[in-house]
Structures are given as structure tokens and as C-alpha cells.
């Protein structure tokens, strides 16, 4: 199935459910692993904000009209991940949450995983 076909086949409800599940799973994993309190984690209404002690902030949010998961990163800027049957992917092949976690780990100086 092509990306265009997949994007056309996913309903708005399915998109919201998928975003919500993926964002909640990431939030839960980060909260569980952040035993040292390095991160200020806030998730609500389809958005996840992760702020480091130095104020650098990541934002993950859904963009319903485009059916994309958006990442704002203090490392690499803004990215629009598209849904595939295998997860969220950028046109260059980078995946979410792997890209987010690599950048977070670099700034936090420790390993978080999903």
C-alpha cells in the first residue's frame, strides 16, 4: 500500500486514537524512567511537552488536518511524521519516536527508551 493510499484509508477517529496511544505510551515510558527528575513532562489533549532542566523543550503534537504527528525539537527543528502501517515516518526514513529519543538522550546525557 502506498503512503497516499494509507493516508486516505485512515479515518480521523483512527488517526486520533493512534496519536493518542503513541503519545500516551511515550509519556508513560518517560515518566517511569525519569527517576532522577531531569524532565518536566506534560501530556494533554494530543500534545506532549518534555522540558529539560536547562529549559530546552520538545513538543509532540498531532495535526489532524494533515494526518501527521509533529515534533518540535531544540536539536533539529520541526518535523512532520506521516503514519504508515509500520509507525510514524519522515520522507527521509527517520522514525518516531526513535528520532525524538536520540535527540532527547543527547541533551539529557542519559538513555531514555520507548
N, C-alpha and C. Protein backbone atom coordinates (compact mmCIF):
# COMPACT_ATOMS: atom_id res chain seq x y z
N UNK A 1 0.85 -1.17 0.00
CA UNK A 1 0.00 0.00 0.00
C UNK A 1 0.90 1.24 0.00
N UNK A 2 0.61 2.17 -0.86
CA UNK A 2 1.40 3.40 -0.92
C UNK A 2 1.03 4.29 0.26
N UNK A 3 1.92 5.26 0.56
CA UNK A 3 1.64 6.21 1.63
C UNK A 3 0.35 6.96 1.35
N UNK A 4 0.16 7.38 0.11
CA UNK A 4 -1.05 8.12 -0.26
C UNK A 4 -2.30 7.27 0.00
N UNK A 5 -2.25 5.99 -0.38
CA UNK A 5 -3.38 5.10 -0.15
C UNK A 5 -3.62 4.90 1.35
N UNK A 6 -2.53 4.73 2.11
CA UNK A 6 -2.68 4.53 3.54
C UNK A 6 -3.28 5.77 4.19
N UNK A 7 -2.77 6.94 3.83
CA UNK A 7 -3.28 8.19 4.40
C UNK A 7 -4.77 8.35 4.08
N UNK A 8 -5.17 7.95 2.89
CA UNK A 8 -6.58 8.07 2.51
C UNK A 8 -7.44 7.06 3.25
N UNK A 9 -6.84 5.94 3.68
CA UNK A 9 -7.64 4.89 4.30
C UNK A 9 -7.83 5.09 5.80
N UNK A 10 -7.02 5.92 6.44
CA UNK A 10 -7.12 6.11 7.88
C UNK A 10 -8.15 7.20 8.18
N UNK A 11 -9.12 6.86 9.01
CA UNK A 11 -10.17 7.82 9.35
C UNK A 11 -9.64 8.80 10.40
N UNK A 12 -10.35 9.88 10.58
CA UNK A 12 -9.96 10.86 11.59
C UNK A 12 -9.96 10.23 12.98
N UNK A 13 -10.94 9.41 13.27
CA UNK A 13 -11.01 8.73 14.56
C UNK A 13 -9.82 7.79 14.75
N UNK A 14 -9.49 7.02 13.72
CA UNK A 14 -8.33 6.13 13.80
C UNK A 14 -7.04 6.92 14.01
N UNK A 15 -6.92 8.04 13.32
CA UNK A 15 -5.75 8.90 13.46
C UNK A 15 -5.64 9.41 14.90
N UNK A 16 -6.75 9.94 15.44
CA UNK A 16 -6.75 10.45 16.81
C UNK A 16 -6.39 9.34 17.81
N UNK A 17 -6.97 8.16 17.61
CA UNK A 17 -6.70 7.04 18.51
C UNK A 17 -5.22 6.65 18.46
N UNK A 18 -4.70 6.56 17.26
CA UNK A 18 -3.30 6.16 17.09
C UNK A 18 -2.35 7.18 17.70
N UNK A 19 -2.60 8.46 17.44
CA UNK A 19 -1.76 9.51 18.04
C UNK A 19 -1.85 9.46 19.56
N UNK A 20 -3.08 9.39 20.05
CA UNK A 20 -3.27 9.37 21.49
C UNK A 20 -2.56 8.22 22.15
N UNK A 21 -2.66 7.04 21.57
CA UNK A 21 -1.99 5.85 22.13
C UNK A 21 -0.48 5.99 22.09
N UNK A 22 0.06 6.45 20.97
CA UNK A 22 1.51 6.56 20.83
C UNK A 22 2.08 7.64 21.74
N UNK A 23 1.39 8.77 21.85
CA UNK A 23 1.86 9.85 22.73
C UNK A 23 1.76 9.41 24.19
N UNK A 24 0.66 8.76 24.56
CA UNK A 24 0.50 8.30 25.95
C UNK A 24 1.54 7.24 26.31
N UNK A 25 1.82 6.33 25.40
CA UNK A 25 2.83 5.29 25.65
C UNK A 25 4.21 5.92 25.87
N UNK A 26 4.54 6.92 25.06
CA UNK A 26 5.83 7.60 25.21
C UNK A 26 5.87 8.36 26.53
N UNK A 27 4.80 9.06 26.86
CA UNK A 27 4.75 9.79 28.13
C UNK A 27 4.92 8.84 29.31
N UNK A 28 4.20 7.74 29.31
CA UNK A 28 4.31 6.77 30.40
C UNK A 28 5.74 6.24 30.53
N UNK A 29 6.37 5.92 29.41
CA UNK A 29 7.73 5.38 29.43
C UNK A 29 8.71 6.41 30.00
N UNK A 30 8.58 7.67 29.57
CA UNK A 30 9.49 8.71 30.06
C UNK A 30 9.29 8.95 31.55
N UNK A 31 8.04 9.02 31.99
CA UNK A 31 7.76 9.26 33.40
C UNK A 31 8.30 8.12 34.27
N UNK A 32 8.17 6.91 33.80
CA UNK A 32 8.67 5.75 34.54
C UNK A 32 10.19 5.75 34.64
N UNK A 33 10.85 6.16 33.57
CA UNK A 33 12.32 6.11 33.52
C UNK A 33 13.00 7.32 34.14
N UNK A 34 12.28 8.42 34.29
CA UNK A 34 12.89 9.66 34.78
C UNK A 34 12.93 9.68 36.32
N UNK A 35 13.64 8.73 36.88
CA UNK A 35 13.72 8.61 38.34
C UNK A 35 14.51 9.75 38.97
N UNK A 36 15.38 10.39 38.20
CA UNK A 36 16.18 11.50 38.72
C UNK A 36 15.48 12.85 38.60
N UNK A 37 14.31 12.88 37.96
CA UNK A 37 13.58 14.14 37.82
C UNK A 37 14.24 15.13 36.88
N UNK A 38 14.87 14.64 35.82
CA UNK A 38 15.53 15.51 34.84
C UNK A 38 14.56 16.20 33.91
N UNK A 39 13.37 15.64 33.77
CA UNK A 39 12.42 16.12 32.77
C UNK A 39 11.15 16.66 33.42
N UNK A 40 10.62 17.72 32.83
CA UNK A 40 9.28 18.21 33.18
C UNK A 40 8.39 17.73 32.05
N UNK A 41 7.54 16.75 32.33
CA UNK A 41 6.73 16.07 31.31
C UNK A 41 5.27 16.45 31.50
N UNK A 42 4.65 16.94 30.42
CA UNK A 42 3.24 17.31 30.48
C UNK A 42 2.54 16.80 29.23
N UNK A 43 1.53 15.99 29.42
CA UNK A 43 0.77 15.48 28.29
C UNK A 43 -0.70 15.74 28.48
N UNK A 44 -1.31 16.30 27.45
CA UNK A 44 -2.75 16.54 27.49
C UNK A 44 -3.27 16.85 26.10
N UNK A 45 -4.47 16.37 25.83
CA UNK A 45 -5.20 16.69 24.61
C UNK A 45 -4.37 16.53 23.33
N UNK A 46 -3.70 15.37 23.20
CA UNK A 46 -2.97 15.09 21.97
C UNK A 46 -1.64 15.80 21.84
N UNK A 47 -1.12 16.32 22.96
CA UNK A 47 0.16 17.02 22.92
C UNK A 47 1.01 16.55 24.09
N UNK A 48 2.30 16.40 23.84
CA UNK A 48 3.27 16.05 24.88
C UNK A 48 4.39 17.08 24.86
N UNK A 49 4.65 17.68 26.02
CA UNK A 49 5.73 18.63 26.17
C UNK A 49 6.75 18.04 27.13
N UNK A 50 8.02 18.03 26.72
CA UNK A 50 9.10 17.50 27.54
C UNK A 50 10.15 18.59 27.65
N UNK A 51 10.30 19.12 28.87
CA UNK A 51 11.26 20.22 29.10
C UNK A 51 12.40 19.71 29.97
N UNK A 52 13.62 20.01 29.53
CA UNK A 52 14.80 19.66 30.29
C UNK A 52 15.12 20.75 31.31
N UNK A 53 16.00 20.44 32.25
CA UNK A 53 16.34 21.39 33.31
C UNK A 53 16.87 22.71 32.77
N UNK A 54 17.54 22.69 31.61
CA UNK A 54 18.09 23.92 31.04
C UNK A 54 17.06 24.72 30.23
N UNK A 55 15.81 24.24 30.21
CA UNK A 55 14.73 24.95 29.53
C UNK A 55 14.48 24.50 28.10
N UNK A 56 15.37 23.71 27.54
CA UNK A 56 15.16 23.22 26.18
C UNK A 56 13.93 22.31 26.18
N UNK A 57 13.08 22.49 25.17
CA UNK A 57 11.78 21.84 25.17
C UNK A 57 11.48 21.14 23.86
N UNK A 58 10.97 19.93 23.99
CA UNK A 58 10.43 19.16 22.87
C UNK A 58 8.92 19.21 22.96
N UNK A 59 8.26 19.31 21.81
CA UNK A 59 6.81 19.24 21.77
C UNK A 59 6.41 18.23 20.69
N UNK A 60 5.56 17.30 21.08
CA UNK A 60 4.99 16.32 20.16
C UNK A 60 3.49 16.60 20.12
N UNK A 61 2.95 16.74 18.92
CA UNK A 61 1.52 17.01 18.81
C UNK A 61 0.96 16.41 17.53
N UNK A 62 -0.33 16.25 17.53
CA UNK A 62 -0.99 15.74 16.33
C UNK A 62 -1.48 16.92 15.50
N UNK A 63 -1.49 16.73 14.20
CA UNK A 63 -2.05 17.72 13.28
C UNK A 63 -3.08 16.98 12.45
N UNK A 64 -4.32 17.13 12.86
CA UNK A 64 -5.40 16.33 12.29
C UNK A 64 -5.61 16.59 10.81
N UNK A 65 -5.61 17.85 10.41
CA UNK A 65 -5.91 18.18 9.01
C UNK A 65 -4.93 17.50 8.05
N UNK A 66 -3.65 17.44 8.44
CA UNK A 66 -2.63 16.82 7.59
C UNK A 66 -2.44 15.34 7.91
N UNK A 67 -3.09 14.86 8.98
CA UNK A 67 -2.92 13.48 9.46
C UNK A 67 -1.43 13.19 9.71
N UNK A 68 -0.80 14.09 10.47
CA UNK A 68 0.62 13.96 10.77
C UNK A 68 0.85 14.10 12.27
N UNK A 69 1.94 13.54 12.72
CA UNK A 69 2.43 13.72 14.08
C UNK A 69 3.59 14.70 13.98
N UNK A 70 3.50 15.78 14.70
CA UNK A 70 4.51 16.83 14.60
C UNK A 70 5.45 16.79 15.79
N UNK A 71 6.73 17.02 15.51
CA UNK A 71 7.76 17.12 16.55
C UNK A 71 8.47 18.45 16.40
N UNK A 72 8.49 19.20 17.50
CA UNK A 72 9.31 20.40 17.57
C UNK A 72 10.47 20.07 18.48
N UNK A 73 11.69 20.19 17.97
CA UNK A 73 12.89 19.77 18.70
C UNK A 73 13.88 20.93 18.81
N UNK A 74 14.46 21.13 20.00
CA UNK A 74 15.51 22.14 20.13
C UNK A 74 16.81 21.73 19.43
N UNK A 75 16.89 20.49 19.01
CA UNK A 75 18.09 19.99 18.32
C UNK A 75 17.97 20.19 16.81
N UNK A 76 16.85 19.75 16.25
CA UNK A 76 16.74 19.70 14.79
C UNK A 76 15.58 20.48 14.19
N UNK A 77 14.81 21.17 15.01
CA UNK A 77 13.70 21.97 14.49
C UNK A 77 12.40 21.19 14.40
N UNK A 78 11.59 21.54 13.41
CA UNK A 78 10.27 20.95 13.27
C UNK A 78 10.24 19.83 12.24
N UNK A 79 9.44 18.79 12.55
CA UNK A 79 9.32 17.64 11.66
C UNK A 79 7.87 17.18 11.62
N UNK A 80 7.46 16.69 10.46
CA UNK A 80 6.10 16.21 10.25
C UNK A 80 6.16 14.73 9.87
N UNK A 81 5.81 13.87 10.82
CA UNK A 81 5.84 12.42 10.60
C UNK A 81 4.49 11.97 10.06
N UNK A 82 4.55 11.13 9.06
CA UNK A 82 3.32 10.60 8.46
C UNK A 82 3.09 9.17 8.94
N UNK A 83 1.81 8.82 9.09
CA UNK A 83 1.52 7.45 9.54
C UNK A 83 1.73 6.45 8.41
N UNK A 84 2.27 5.31 8.78
CA UNK A 84 2.36 4.18 7.87
C UNK A 84 1.86 2.97 8.65
N UNK A 85 1.72 1.86 7.99
CA UNK A 85 1.29 0.68 8.72
C UNK A 85 2.39 0.18 9.65
N UNK A 86 3.59 0.77 9.57
CA UNK A 86 4.69 0.39 10.44
C UNK A 86 5.10 1.46 11.43
N UNK A 87 4.33 2.52 11.57
CA UNK A 87 4.65 3.58 12.52
C UNK A 87 4.62 4.95 11.88
N UNK A 88 5.34 5.90 12.49
CA UNK A 88 5.41 7.28 12.02
C UNK A 88 6.76 7.51 11.36
N UNK A 89 6.75 8.04 10.13
CA UNK A 89 7.98 8.12 9.34
C UNK A 89 8.08 9.47 8.63
N UNK A 90 9.31 9.99 8.56
CA UNK A 90 9.60 11.18 7.76
C UNK A 90 9.90 10.74 6.33
N UNK A 91 9.83 11.65 5.37
CA UNK A 91 10.16 11.28 3.98
C UNK A 91 11.57 10.70 3.82
N UNK A 92 12.50 11.10 4.70
CA UNK A 92 13.87 10.58 4.59
C UNK A 92 14.06 9.25 5.32
N UNK A 93 12.98 8.71 5.90
CA UNK A 93 13.04 7.40 6.53
C UNK A 93 13.23 7.41 8.04
N UNK A 94 13.54 8.58 8.62
CA UNK A 94 13.67 8.62 10.08
C UNK A 94 12.31 8.37 10.71
N UNK A 95 12.33 7.73 11.88
CA UNK A 95 11.09 7.29 12.51
C UNK A 95 10.88 7.96 13.87
N UNK A 96 9.60 8.04 14.23
CA UNK A 96 9.21 8.49 15.56
C UNK A 96 8.74 7.26 16.33
N UNK A 97 9.13 7.08 17.57
CA UNK A 97 9.80 8.00 18.48
C UNK A 97 11.32 7.90 18.50
N UNK A 98 11.93 7.06 17.66
CA UNK A 98 13.37 6.86 17.70
C UNK A 98 14.15 8.16 17.55
N UNK A 99 13.77 9.00 16.59
CA UNK A 99 14.48 10.25 16.37
C UNK A 99 14.36 11.16 17.59
N UNK A 100 13.14 11.27 18.12
CA UNK A 100 12.91 12.08 19.32
C UNK A 100 13.80 11.59 20.47
N UNK A 101 13.82 10.28 20.70
CA UNK A 101 14.58 9.72 21.82
C UNK A 101 16.09 9.94 21.64
N UNK A 102 16.59 9.79 20.43
CA UNK A 102 18.02 10.05 20.18
C UNK A 102 18.38 11.49 20.54
N UNK A 103 17.55 12.43 20.14
CA UNK A 103 17.83 13.84 20.42
C UNK A 103 17.66 14.15 21.91
N UNK A 104 16.63 13.60 22.53
CA UNK A 104 16.43 13.79 23.97
C UNK A 104 17.61 13.23 24.74
N UNK A 105 18.03 12.03 24.39
CA UNK A 105 19.15 11.39 25.09
C UNK A 105 20.44 12.22 24.97
N UNK A 106 20.66 12.78 23.80
CA UNK A 106 21.85 13.61 23.59
C UNK A 106 21.84 14.82 24.53
N UNK A 107 20.69 15.47 24.66
CA UNK A 107 20.61 16.65 25.52
C UNK A 107 20.56 16.30 26.99
N UNK A 108 19.88 15.21 27.33
CA UNK A 108 19.72 14.83 28.74
C UNK A 108 20.97 14.15 29.31
N UNK A 109 21.80 13.61 28.42
CA UNK A 109 23.00 12.93 28.89
C UNK A 109 22.72 11.59 29.53
N UNK A 110 21.61 10.97 29.18
CA UNK A 110 21.27 9.64 29.67
C UNK A 110 20.36 8.96 28.67
N UNK A 111 20.10 7.70 28.86
CA UNK A 111 19.32 6.91 27.90
C UNK A 111 17.88 6.74 28.34
N UNK A 112 16.97 7.29 27.54
CA UNK A 112 15.55 7.02 27.67
C UNK A 112 15.16 6.16 26.48
N UNK A 113 14.18 5.31 26.64
CA UNK A 113 13.71 4.47 25.54
C UNK A 113 12.20 4.34 25.62
N UNK A 114 11.61 3.87 24.52
CA UNK A 114 10.15 3.75 24.48
C UNK A 114 9.68 2.41 24.97
